[in-house]
């Protein structure tokens, strides 16, 4: 079975938790505790391959302040960065997140060169309140060499599923070109990461 670790990041109110839960359960729940971090786990079959998926949903981060992401950068195989199209501040925060991820590509964390990143403009159902244009999101994605889409976690269940599926395919495709998934010390590293992120786990 292939293990895939995916981090969903975004500022407060961007809808990252709603997006993750929409994919995992096909249900939309509008209110989430923003002060709790958790890892959702799910077994699924993708293109005939059995996958054990872990989705890390951190506490909602303030849209101002220093971005560390050190643990996430070492843990995740891929990232979904979410912003709210009706909130320009959340778009600026997504831009900072992408910069931090891209910065790691040219740093010491070699694993990140093989990760997949997807930029998502959420809350397309609020187009009448739009503050961020589609072309702005597309340009940001091109500048950061990542994929891009706009959707609504509240209304577009199939689009959410398609987006996550595309990310998972990109990640598993990266796995195929590697002789080994992880170095021999991966078990101790996994234990360390579980100590950091293992506070709340939800299997769906």
Protein backbone atom coordinates (compact mmCIF):
# COMPACT_ATOMS: atom_id res chain seq x y z
CA UNK A 1 0.00 0.00 0.00
CA UNK A 2 1.28 3.46 -0.92
CA UNK A 3 1.39 6.10 1.80
CA UNK A 4 0.65 9.68 0.78
CA UNK A 5 0.97 12.67 3.11
CA UNK A 6 -0.77 15.88 2.08
CA UNK A 7 -0.85 19.23 3.89
CA UNK A 8 -3.73 21.67 3.33
CA UNK A 9 -2.64 25.20 4.21
CA UNK A 10 -4.32 28.59 4.28
CA UNK A 11 -5.20 31.55 6.42
CA UNK A 12 -8.13 31.83 8.79
CA UNK A 13 -11.44 31.74 6.93
CA UNK A 14 -10.04 30.50 3.62
CA UNK A 15 -11.98 27.24 3.91
CA UNK A 16 -9.11 24.75 3.95
CA UNK A 17 -10.82 22.47 6.50
CA UNK A 18 -14.10 22.58 4.58
CA UNK A 19 -12.20 21.61 1.43
CA UNK A 20 -10.51 18.63 3.07
CA UNK A 21 -13.69 17.33 4.69
CA UNK A 22 -15.65 17.82 1.46
CA UNK A 23 -13.20 15.52 -0.30
CA UNK A 24 -13.07 12.93 2.45
CA UNK A 25 -16.78 12.68 3.26
CA UNK A 26 -18.50 14.42 0.30
CA UNK A 27 -20.29 16.55 2.92
CA UNK A 28 -19.97 20.27 3.50
CA UNK A 29 -19.82 21.63 7.03
CA UNK A 30 -19.44 25.37 7.30
CA UNK A 31 -18.08 25.73 10.82
CA UNK A 32 -14.83 24.26 12.11
CA UNK A 33 -12.76 24.73 15.25
CA UNK A 34 -9.91 26.94 14.06
CA UNK A 35 -7.77 26.33 17.14
CA UNK A 36 -7.31 22.60 16.60
CA UNK A 37 -4.92 20.72 14.34
CA UNK A 38 -5.60 17.21 13.14
CA UNK A 39 -4.63 14.57 10.63
CA UNK A 40 -7.41 12.92 8.68
CA UNK A 41 -6.72 9.40 7.43
CA UNK A 42 -8.43 7.52 4.62
CA UNK A 43 -7.85 4.40 2.56
CA UNK A 44 -8.73 4.70 -1.11
CA UNK A 45 -8.04 3.13 -4.48
CA UNK A 46 -6.56 5.34 -7.20
CA UNK A 47 -5.92 3.91 -10.66
CA UNK A 48 -5.81 0.40 -9.23
CA UNK A 49 -3.36 1.35 -6.47
CA UNK A 50 -4.27 1.12 -2.80
CA UNK A 51 -3.42 4.35 -0.99
CA UNK A 52 -3.25 5.21 2.68
CA UNK A 53 -3.82 8.96 2.69
CA UNK A 54 -3.03 11.32 5.55
CA UNK A 55 -4.23 14.92 5.26
CA UNK A 56 -2.74 17.37 7.72
CA UNK A 57 -5.04 20.26 8.61
CA UNK A 58 -3.16 22.69 10.88
CA UNK A 59 -4.63 25.32 13.14
CA UNK A 60 -5.86 28.28 11.13
CA UNK A 61 -2.87 30.55 10.86
CA UNK A 62 -3.05 34.30 11.34
CA UNK A 63 -2.59 36.11 8.06
CA UNK A 64 0.20 38.15 9.56
CA UNK A 65 3.34 36.92 11.20
CA UNK A 66 6.32 34.72 10.50
CA UNK A 67 5.83 31.59 8.41
CA UNK A 68 7.88 28.69 9.65
CA UNK A 69 6.36 25.51 8.15
CA UNK A 70 9.52 23.58 8.96
CA UNK A 71 7.73 20.44 10.13
CA UNK A 72 5.19 20.54 7.30
CA UNK A 73 7.91 20.95 4.66
CA UNK A 74 9.67 17.81 5.86
CA UNK A 75 6.50 15.80 6.44
CA UNK A 76 4.33 16.37 3.38
CA UNK A 77 4.58 14.82 -0.06
CA UNK A 78 2.41 17.59 -1.45
CA UNK A 79 0.59 20.79 -0.56
CA UNK A 80 -2.78 22.38 -1.27
CA UNK A 81 -2.64 26.12 -0.59
CA UNK A 82 -6.09 27.67 -0.21
CA UNK A 83 -7.29 31.27 -0.36
CA UNK A 84 -10.70 32.95 -0.35
CA UNK A 85 -11.44 34.77 -3.62
CA UNK A 86 -13.51 37.30 -1.67
CA UNK A 87 -10.66 38.17 0.70
CA UNK A 88 -7.52 39.78 -0.72
CA UNK A 89 -5.66 39.32 2.58
CA UNK A 90 -6.05 35.55 2.31
CA UNK A 91 -4.62 35.73 -1.23
CA UNK A 92 -1.59 37.62 0.07
CA UNK A 93 -1.16 34.96 2.75
CA UNK A 94 -1.36 32.19 0.14
CA UNK A 95 1.33 34.00 -1.83
CA UNK A 96 3.56 34.03 1.26
CA UNK A 97 2.92 30.31 1.80
CA UNK A 98 3.87 29.51 -1.79
CA UNK A 99 7.01 31.61 -1.48
CA UNK A 100 7.99 29.68 1.64
CA UNK A 101 7.39 26.35 -0.11
CA UNK A 102 9.28 27.45 -3.22
CA UNK A 103 12.14 28.71 -1.04
CA UNK A 104 12.50 25.20 0.36
CA UNK A 105 12.91 23.82 -3.18
CA UNK A 106 16.24 25.59 -3.51
CA UNK A 107 17.24 24.99 0.10
CA UNK A 108 18.45 21.94 1.94
CA UNK A 109 15.18 20.00 1.81
CA UNK A 110 15.71 17.97 -1.37
CA UNK A 111 12.48 16.04 -0.91
CA UNK A 112 10.48 19.16 -1.70
CA UNK A 113 11.81 19.20 -5.25
CA UNK A 114 9.61 16.16 -5.84
CA UNK A 115 6.48 17.37 -4.09
CA UNK A 116 3.28 18.57 -5.73
CA UNK A 117 1.70 21.93 -4.99
CA UNK A 118 -1.80 23.07 -5.92
CA UNK A 119 -3.15 26.63 -5.46
CA UNK A 120 -6.91 26.76 -4.89
CA UNK A 121 -9.14 29.83 -5.00
CA UNK A 122 -12.05 28.81 -2.78
CA UNK A 123 -15.56 30.26 -2.33
CA UNK A 124 -16.35 30.69 -6.00
CA UNK A 125 -19.97 30.87 -4.88
CA UNK A 126 -19.11 34.35 -3.58
CA UNK A 127 -18.20 35.73 -7.01
CA UNK A 128 -20.40 38.76 -6.35
CA UNK A 129 -17.97 39.65 -3.52
CA UNK A 130 -14.82 38.80 -5.44
CA UNK A 131 -11.64 40.69 -4.52
CA UNK A 132 -9.15 38.43 -6.34
CA UNK A 133 -9.43 37.83 -10.06
CA UNK A 134 -9.03 34.42 -11.67
CA UNK A 135 -6.13 35.76 -13.73
CA UNK A 136 -4.33 36.82 -10.55
CA UNK A 137 -4.56 33.31 -9.14
CA UNK A 138 -3.41 31.82 -12.44
CA UNK A 139 -0.41 34.17 -12.60
CA UNK A 140 0.58 33.37 -9.02
CA UNK A 141 0.44 29.67 -9.81
CA UNK A 142 2.55 30.09 -12.95
CA UNK A 143 5.10 32.18 -11.06
CA UNK A 144 5.40 29.42 -8.45
CA UNK A 145 5.27 26.51 -10.92
CA UNK A 146 2.21 24.98 -9.36
CA UNK A 147 -1.25 23.99 -10.54
CA UNK A 148 -4.30 26.22 -10.07
CA UNK A 149 -8.07 26.10 -9.95
CA UNK A 150 -11.03 27.98 -8.56
CA UNK A 151 -13.94 26.16 -6.95
CA UNK A 152 -16.44 26.24 -4.12
CA UNK A 153 -16.13 23.76 -1.27
CA UNK A 154 -19.74 24.59 -0.43
CA UNK A 155 -21.20 23.88 -3.88
CA UNK A 156 -18.70 22.01 -6.09
CA UNK A 157 -18.25 18.54 -4.61
CA UNK A 158 -17.12 16.91 -7.87
CA UNK A 159 -14.64 19.69 -8.59
CA UNK A 160 -13.15 19.26 -5.11
CA UNK A 161 -12.81 15.51 -5.63
CA UNK A 162 -11.25 16.05 -9.08
CA UNK A 163 -8.72 18.53 -7.67
CA UNK A 164 -7.60 16.21 -4.86
CA UNK A 165 -7.43 13.29 -7.31
CA UNK A 166 -5.18 15.33 -9.61
CA UNK A 167 -2.86 16.15 -6.70
CA UNK A 168 -2.73 12.50 -5.60
CA UNK A 169 -1.93 11.37 -9.15
CA UNK A 170 0.93 13.86 -9.34
CA UNK A 171 2.34 12.68 -6.01
CA UNK A 172 2.10 8.97 -6.81
CA UNK A 173 3.65 9.64 -10.21
CA UNK A 174 6.63 11.16 -8.39
CA UNK A 175 6.88 8.02 -6.27
CA UNK A 176 7.16 5.83 -9.36
CA UNK A 177 10.35 7.52 -10.52
CA UNK A 178 12.11 6.95 -7.23
CA UNK A 179 13.84 3.69 -6.41
CA UNK A 180 12.98 4.11 -2.76
CA UNK A 181 10.21 6.09 -1.12
CA UNK A 182 12.21 7.02 1.98
CA UNK A 183 15.75 6.60 3.32
CA UNK A 184 16.52 3.83 5.79
CA UNK A 185 16.03 6.16 8.74
CA UNK A 186 12.44 6.86 7.80
CA UNK A 187 10.93 4.93 10.71
CA UNK A 188 12.56 7.11 13.34
CA UNK A 189 11.65 10.22 11.34
CA UNK A 190 8.06 9.02 11.07
CA UNK A 191 7.95 8.53 14.83
CA UNK A 192 9.22 12.08 15.35
CA UNK A 193 6.60 13.49 12.97
CA UNK A 194 3.86 11.50 14.69
CA UNK A 195 4.88 13.06 17.99
CA UNK A 196 4.52 16.50 16.41
CA UNK A 197 1.33 15.96 14.43
CA UNK A 198 -0.27 12.99 16.14
CA UNK A 199 -2.40 14.88 18.66
CA UNK A 200 -5.70 14.45 16.83
CA UNK A 201 -6.32 11.82 14.19
CA UNK A 202 -9.59 11.22 12.43
CA UNK A 203 -10.26 8.27 10.18
CA UNK A 204 -12.99 8.83 7.61
